[in-house]
C-alpha atoms as a PDB file:
ATOM      1  CA  UNK A   1     -43.851 -17.932  -0.340  1.00  0.00           C
ATOM      2  CA  UNK A   2     -44.371 -16.531   3.125  1.00  0.00           C
ATOM      3  CA  UNK A   3     -45.518 -12.956   3.602  1.00  0.00           C
ATOM      4  CA  UNK A   4     -45.566 -10.983   6.801  1.00  0.00           C
ATOM      5  CA  UNK A   5     -47.246  -7.675   7.411  1.00  0.00           C
ATOM      6  CA  UNK A   6     -46.401  -4.536   9.316  1.00  0.00           C
ATOM      7  CA  UNK A   7     -48.029  -1.187   9.779  1.00  0.00           C
ATOM      8  CA  UNK A   8     -46.114   2.090   9.430  1.00  0.00           C
ATOM      9  CA  UNK A   9     -47.628   5.570   9.486  1.00  0.00           C
ATOM     10  CA  UNK A  10     -51.093   4.089   9.081  1.00  0.00           C
ATOM     11  CA  UNK A  11     -50.165   2.077   5.988  1.00  0.00           C
ATOM     12  CA  UNK A  12     -50.329  -1.692   5.856  1.00  0.00           C
ATOM     13  CA  UNK A  13     -47.124  -3.115   4.359  1.00  0.00           C
ATOM     14  CA  UNK A  14     -46.462  -6.665   3.144  1.00  0.00           C
ATOM     15  CA  UNK A  15     -42.934  -8.059   3.159  1.00  0.00           C
ATOM     16  CA  UNK A  16     -41.448 -11.240   1.801  1.00  0.00           C
ATOM     17  CA  UNK A  17     -38.020 -12.899   1.956  1.00  0.00           C
ATOM     18  CA  UNK A  18     -36.930 -14.514  -1.270  1.00  0.00           C
ATOM     19  CA  UNK A  19     -33.800 -16.008  -2.804  1.00  0.00           C
ATOM     20  CA  UNK A  20     -33.122 -14.336  -6.164  1.00  0.00           C
ATOM     21  CA  UNK A  21     -30.076 -15.203  -8.269  1.00  0.00           C
ATOM     22  CA  UNK A  22     -28.113 -16.379  -5.222  1.00  0.00           C
ATOM     23  CA  UNK A  23     -29.090 -13.403  -3.020  1.00  0.00           C
ATOM     24  CA  UNK A  24     -31.373 -13.533   0.028  1.00  0.00           C
ATOM     25  CA  UNK A  25     -33.463 -10.378  -0.311  1.00  0.00           C
ATOM     26  CA  UNK A  26     -36.405  -8.731   1.419  1.00  0.00           C
ATOM     27  CA  UNK A  27     -39.138  -7.400  -0.850  1.00  0.00           C
ATOM     28  CA  UNK A  28     -41.950  -4.948  -0.169  1.00  0.00           C
ATOM     29  CA  UNK A  29     -45.282  -5.693  -1.829  1.00  0.00           C
ATOM     30  CA  UNK A  30     -47.909  -3.008  -2.245  1.00  0.00           C
ATOM     31  CA  UNK A  31     -50.910  -2.647  -4.494  1.00  0.00           C
ATOM     32  CA  UNK A  32     -49.879   0.757  -5.818  1.00  0.00           C
ATOM     33  CA  UNK A  33     -46.105   0.243  -6.258  1.00  0.00           C
ATOM     34  CA  UNK A  34     -45.945  -3.488  -6.914  1.00  0.00           C
ATOM     35  CA  UNK A  35     -42.857  -5.353  -5.730  1.00  0.00           C
ATOM     36  CA  UNK A  36     -39.815  -3.367  -4.562  1.00  0.00           C
ATOM     37  CA  UNK A  37     -36.378  -4.528  -3.416  1.00  0.00           C
ATOM     38  CA  UNK A  38     -35.609  -3.265   0.092  1.00  0.00           C
ATOM     39  CA  UNK A  39     -32.293  -4.948   0.772  1.00  0.00           C
ATOM     40  CA  UNK A  40     -30.098  -8.002   0.895  1.00  0.00           C
ATOM     41  CA  UNK A  41     -29.322 -10.192   3.876  1.00  0.00           C
ATOM     42  CA  UNK A  42     -25.655  -9.881   4.809  1.00  0.00           C
ATOM     43  CA  UNK A  43     -24.006 -12.121   7.378  1.00  0.00           C
ATOM     44  CA  UNK A  44     -20.957 -11.159   9.437  1.00  0.00           C
ATOM     45  CA  UNK A  45     -17.626 -12.833   8.692  1.00  0.00           C
ATOM     46  CA  UNK A  46     -14.291 -13.095  10.494  1.00  0.00           C
ATOM     47  CA  UNK A  47     -12.162  -9.998   9.894  1.00  0.00           C
ATOM     48  CA  UNK A  48      -8.525 -11.016   9.217  1.00  0.00           C
ATOM     49  CA  UNK A  49      -5.799  -9.569  11.476  1.00  0.00           C
ATOM     50  CA  UNK A  50      -4.224  -7.754   8.516  1.00  0.00           C
ATOM     51  CA  UNK A  51      -7.458  -5.799   8.094  1.00  0.00           C
ATOM     52  CA  UNK A  52      -7.705  -4.957  11.776  1.00  0.00           C
ATOM     53  CA  UNK A  53      -4.410  -3.074  11.355  1.00  0.00           C
ATOM     54  CA  UNK A  54      -6.111  -0.803   8.810  1.00  0.00           C
ATOM     55  CA  UNK A  55      -8.924   0.309  11.115  1.00  0.00           C
ATOM     56  CA  UNK A  56      -9.116   4.011  11.872  1.00  0.00           C
ATOM     57  CA  UNK A  57      -9.677   7.434  10.326  1.00  0.00           C
ATOM     58  CA  UNK A  58      -8.564   8.318   6.777  1.00  0.00           C
ATOM     59  CA  UNK A  59      -8.262  11.758   5.141  1.00  0.00           C
ATOM     60  CA  UNK A  60      -7.111  13.238   1.866  1.00  0.00           C
ATOM     61  CA  UNK A  61      -3.310  13.452   1.761  1.00  0.00           C
ATOM     62  CA  UNK A  62      -1.778  16.912   2.226  1.00  0.00           C
ATOM     63  CA  UNK A  63      -2.080  18.947  -0.978  1.00  0.00           C
ATOM     64  CA  UNK A  64      -4.565  16.592  -2.679  1.00  0.00           C
ATOM     65  CA  UNK A  65      -7.324  18.057  -4.838  1.00  0.00           C
ATOM     66  CA  UNK A  66     -10.805  18.481  -3.320  1.00  0.00           C
ATOM     67  CA  UNK A  67     -13.019  15.421  -3.778  1.00  0.00           C
ATOM     68  CA  UNK A  68     -16.668  14.374  -3.357  1.00  0.00           C
ATOM     69  CA  UNK A  69     -15.713  12.967   0.040  1.00  0.00           C
ATOM     70  CA  UNK A  70     -12.586  13.884   1.982  1.00  0.00           C
ATOM     71  CA  UNK A  71     -12.639  11.669   5.084  1.00  0.00           C
ATOM     72  CA  UNK A  72     -13.465   8.103   5.978  1.00  0.00           C
ATOM     73  CA  UNK A  73     -13.547   5.840   8.993  1.00  0.00           C
ATOM     74  CA  UNK A  74     -12.844   2.115   8.696  1.00  0.00           C
ATOM     75  CA  UNK A  75     -14.119   0.171  11.683  1.00  0.00           C
ATOM     76  CA  UNK A  76     -15.247  -3.252  12.777  1.00  0.00           C
ATOM     77  CA  UNK A  77     -18.628  -3.643  14.421  1.00  0.00           C
ATOM     78  CA  UNK A  78     -20.466  -6.858  15.329  1.00  0.00           C
ATOM     79  CA  UNK A  79     -18.459  -8.905  12.828  1.00  0.00           C
ATOM     80  CA  UNK A  80     -18.856  -6.425   9.981  1.00  0.00           C
ATOM     81  CA  UNK A  81     -16.136  -4.349   8.346  1.00  0.00           C
ATOM     82  CA  UNK A  82     -17.683  -0.900   7.887  1.00  0.00           C
ATOM     83  CA  UNK A  83     -16.397   2.027   5.839  1.00  0.00           C
ATOM     84  CA  UNK A  84     -18.075   5.380   6.399  1.00  0.00           C
ATOM     85  CA  UNK A  85     -17.383   8.161   3.890  1.00  0.00           C
ATOM     86  CA  UNK A  86     -17.722  11.800   4.961  1.00  0.00           C
ATOM     87  CA  UNK A  87     -17.626  15.070   3.089  1.00  0.00           C
ATOM     88  CA  UNK A  88     -19.150  18.511   3.302  1.00  0.00           C
ATOM     89  CA  UNK A  89     -20.936  17.874   0.027  1.00  0.00           C
ATOM     90  CA  UNK A  90     -22.513  14.713   1.493  1.00  0.00           C
ATOM     91  CA  UNK A  91     -23.977  16.646   4.435  1.00  0.00           C
ATOM     92  CA  UNK A  92     -24.031  15.399   8.008  1.00  0.00           C
ATOM     93  CA  UNK A  93     -24.962  11.770   7.284  1.00  0.00           C
ATOM     94  CA  UNK A  94     -22.088   9.535   6.171  1.00  0.00           C
ATOM     95  CA  UNK A  95     -22.272   7.153   3.236  1.00  0.00           C
ATOM     96  CA  UNK A  96     -21.961   3.779   5.008  1.00  0.00           C
ATOM     97  CA  UNK A  97     -20.557   0.760   3.162  1.00  0.00           C
ATOM     98  CA  UNK A  98     -20.323  -2.832   4.384  1.00  0.00           C
ATOM     99  CA  UNK A  99     -17.132  -4.512   3.180  1.00  0.00           C
ATOM    100  CA  UNK A 100     -16.033  -8.117   2.755  1.00  0.00           C
ATOM    101  CA  UNK A 101     -12.250  -8.599   2.591  1.00  0.00           C
ATOM    102  CA  UNK A 102     -11.241 -10.249  -0.681  1.00  0.00           C
ATOM    103  CA  UNK A 103      -7.576 -11.057  -0.181  1.00  0.00           C
ATOM    104  CA  UNK A 104      -4.992  -8.866   1.495  1.00  0.00           C
ATOM    105  CA  UNK A 105      -5.282  -5.698  -0.592  1.00  0.00           C
ATOM    106  CA  UNK A 106      -8.928  -5.312  -1.524  1.00  0.00           C
ATOM    107  CA  UNK A 107     -12.463  -5.521  -0.200  1.00  0.00           C
ATOM    108  CA  UNK A 108     -15.819  -5.772  -1.952  1.00  0.00           C
ATOM    109  CA  UNK A 109     -18.756  -3.469  -1.116  1.00  0.00           C
ATOM    110  CA  UNK A 110     -21.646  -5.733  -0.072  1.00  0.00           C
ATOM    111  CA  UNK A 111     -25.286  -5.389  -1.075  1.00  0.00           C
ATOM    112  CA  UNK A 112     -27.315  -4.853  -4.214  1.00  0.00           C
ATOM    113  CA  UNK A 113     -27.822  -1.708  -6.242  1.00  0.00           C
ATOM    114  CA  UNK A 114     -25.716   1.262  -7.267  1.00  0.00           C
ATOM    115  CA  UNK A 115     -22.144   1.124  -5.976  1.00  0.00           C
ATOM    116  CA  UNK A 116     -22.527  -2.367  -4.550  1.00  0.00           C
ATOM    117  CA  UNK A 117     -19.916  -4.866  -5.700  1.00  0.00           C
ATOM    118  CA  UNK A 118     -17.437  -1.998  -6.033  1.00  0.00           C
ATOM    119  CA  UNK A 119     -13.851  -2.496  -4.899  1.00  0.00           C
ATOM    120  CA  UNK A 120     -12.000  -0.746  -2.063  1.00  0.00           C
ATOM    121  CA  UNK A 121      -8.224  -1.103  -2.457  1.00  0.00           C
ATOM    122  CA  UNK A 122      -5.546  -0.794   0.212  1.00  0.00           C
ATOM    123  CA  UNK A 123      -1.868  -0.064  -0.304  1.00  0.00           C
ATOM    124  CA  UNK A 124       1.175   0.811   1.744  1.00  0.00           C
ATOM    125  CA  UNK A 125       3.913   3.276   0.746  1.00  0.00           C
ATOM    126  CA  UNK A 126       6.661   3.258   3.325  1.00  0.00           C
ATOM    127  CA  UNK A 127       4.995   3.895   6.671  1.00  0.00           C
ATOM    128  CA  UNK A 128       1.837   5.381   5.119  1.00  0.00           C
ATOM    129  CA  UNK A 129      -1.333   3.361   4.451  1.00  0.00           C
ATOM    130  CA  UNK A 130      -3.926   4.347   1.854  1.00  0.00           C
ATOM    131  CA  UNK A 131      -7.388   3.245   0.782  1.00  0.00           C
ATOM    132  CA  UNK A 132      -8.897   4.005  -2.619  1.00  0.00           C
ATOM    133  CA  UNK A 133     -12.542   3.849  -3.599  1.00  0.00           C
ATOM    134  CA  UNK A 134     -14.751   5.654  -6.108  1.00  0.00           C
ATOM    135  CA  UNK A 135     -11.610   7.196  -7.593  1.00  0.00           C
ATOM    136  CA  UNK A 136     -10.592   8.879  -4.314  1.00  0.00           C
ATOM    137  CA  UNK A 137      -7.393   8.011  -2.417  1.00  0.00           C
ATOM    138  CA  UNK A 138      -7.329   8.606   1.354  1.00  0.00           C
ATOM    139  CA  UNK A 139      -4.487   8.201   3.846  1.00  0.00           C
ATOM    140  CA  UNK A 140      -4.736   6.545   7.273  1.00  0.00           C
ATOM    141  CA  UNK A 141      -4.231   9.170   9.969  1.00  0.00           C
ATOM    142  CA  UNK A 142      -1.518   8.484  12.549  1.00  0.00           C
ATOM    143  CA  UNK A 143      -2.664   6.859  15.800  1.00  0.00           C
ATOM    144  CA  UNK A 144      -4.217   9.280  18.257  1.00  0.00           C
ATOM    145  CA  UNK A 145      -5.862  11.489  15.650  1.00  0.00           C
ATOM    146  CA  UNK A 146      -9.592  11.215  15.108  1.00  0.00           C
ATOM    147  CA  UNK A 147     -12.190  12.436  12.654  1.00  0.00           C
ATOM    148  CA  UNK A 148     -14.106  14.220  15.442  1.00  0.00           C
ATOM    149  CA  UNK A 149     -11.814  17.267  15.292  1.00  0.00           C
ATOM    150  CA  UNK A 150     -11.860  17.143  11.495  1.00  0.00           C
ATOM    151  CA  UNK A 151     -15.686  17.085  11.442  1.00  0.00           C
ATOM    152  CA  UNK A 152     -15.881  19.968  13.925  1.00  0.00           C
ATOM    153  CA  UNK A 153     -13.525  22.070  11.779  1.00  0.00           C
ATOM    154  CA  UNK A 154     -15.587  21.341   8.688  1.00  0.00           C
ATOM    155  CA  UNK A 155     -18.831  22.424  10.400  1.00  0.00           C
ATOM    156  CA  UNK A 156     -17.187  25.476  12.009  1.00  0.00           C
ATOM    157  CA  UNK A 157     -16.051  26.788   8.611  1.00  0.00           C
ATOM    158  CA  UNK A 158     -18.823  26.228   6.052  1.00  0.00           C
ATOM    159  CA  UNK A 159     -17.002  28.545   3.612  1.00  0.00           C
ATOM    160  CA  UNK A 160     -14.171  26.016   3.422  1.00  0.00           C
ATOM    161  CA  UNK A 161     -16.105  23.925   0.889  1.00  0.00           C
ATOM    162  CA  UNK A 162     -16.797  26.886  -1.374  1.00  0.00           C
ATOM    163  CA  UNK A 163     -13.177  28.082  -1.165  1.00  0.00           C
ATOM    164  CA  UNK A 164     -11.886  24.606  -2.016  1.00  0.00           C
ATOM    165  CA  UNK A 165     -14.215  24.305  -5.021  1.00  0.00           C
ATOM    166  CA  UNK A 166     -13.256  27.780  -6.275  1.00  0.00           C
ATOM    167  CA  UNK A 167      -9.542  27.001  -5.877  1.00  0.00           C
ATOM    168  CA  UNK A 168     -10.010  23.805  -7.867  1.00  0.00           C
ATOM    169  CA  UNK A 169     -11.872  25.637 -10.671  1.00  0.00           C
ATOM    170  CA  UNK A 170      -9.199  28.316 -10.857  1.00  0.00           C
ATOM    171  CA  UNK A 171      -6.453  25.680 -11.004  1.00  0.00           C
ATOM    172  CA  UNK A 172      -8.311  23.850 -13.810  1.00  0.00           C
ATOM    173  CA  UNK A 173      -8.674  27.079 -15.819  1.00  0.00           C
ATOM    174  CA  UNK A 174      -4.988  27.913 -15.348  1.00  0.00           C
ATOM    175  CA  UNK A 175      -3.971  24.648 -17.057  1.00  0.00           C
END
């Protein structure tokens, strides 16, 4: 075992890399908290051409019910396939997921912990492309449209979230 130390905010921290059950992980060791998992080492892989055609912004289809997140951006960066989920309920910071393609129609969320190992599915219906994860289905926006305008509209109208939630509740009660 090899430890290395670092200092942050006046605290001395001890780290260690270890292979546990087939995963290369970094652990934090401290006298008060014991041993804590900080993360898993993930290496970049080649992104297939079919996946490069799916890159771009995704949003809820027209008329879809309000969801925990309502927009996403699939992008490639430094050999990683990255999916960022956005929603007014999530706040300003996106939920960032690293993906590994697993065939032509699905990808696996990399890492350890809650939500890791989950599946992101892709499908095509006519000219439209969709991704589904965490029970939410989003549609790829046509070329030329970006999430920047969508984000600005969401911030400019904070009441939009409340209205959408109220509309959903009223629709549920009407059933």
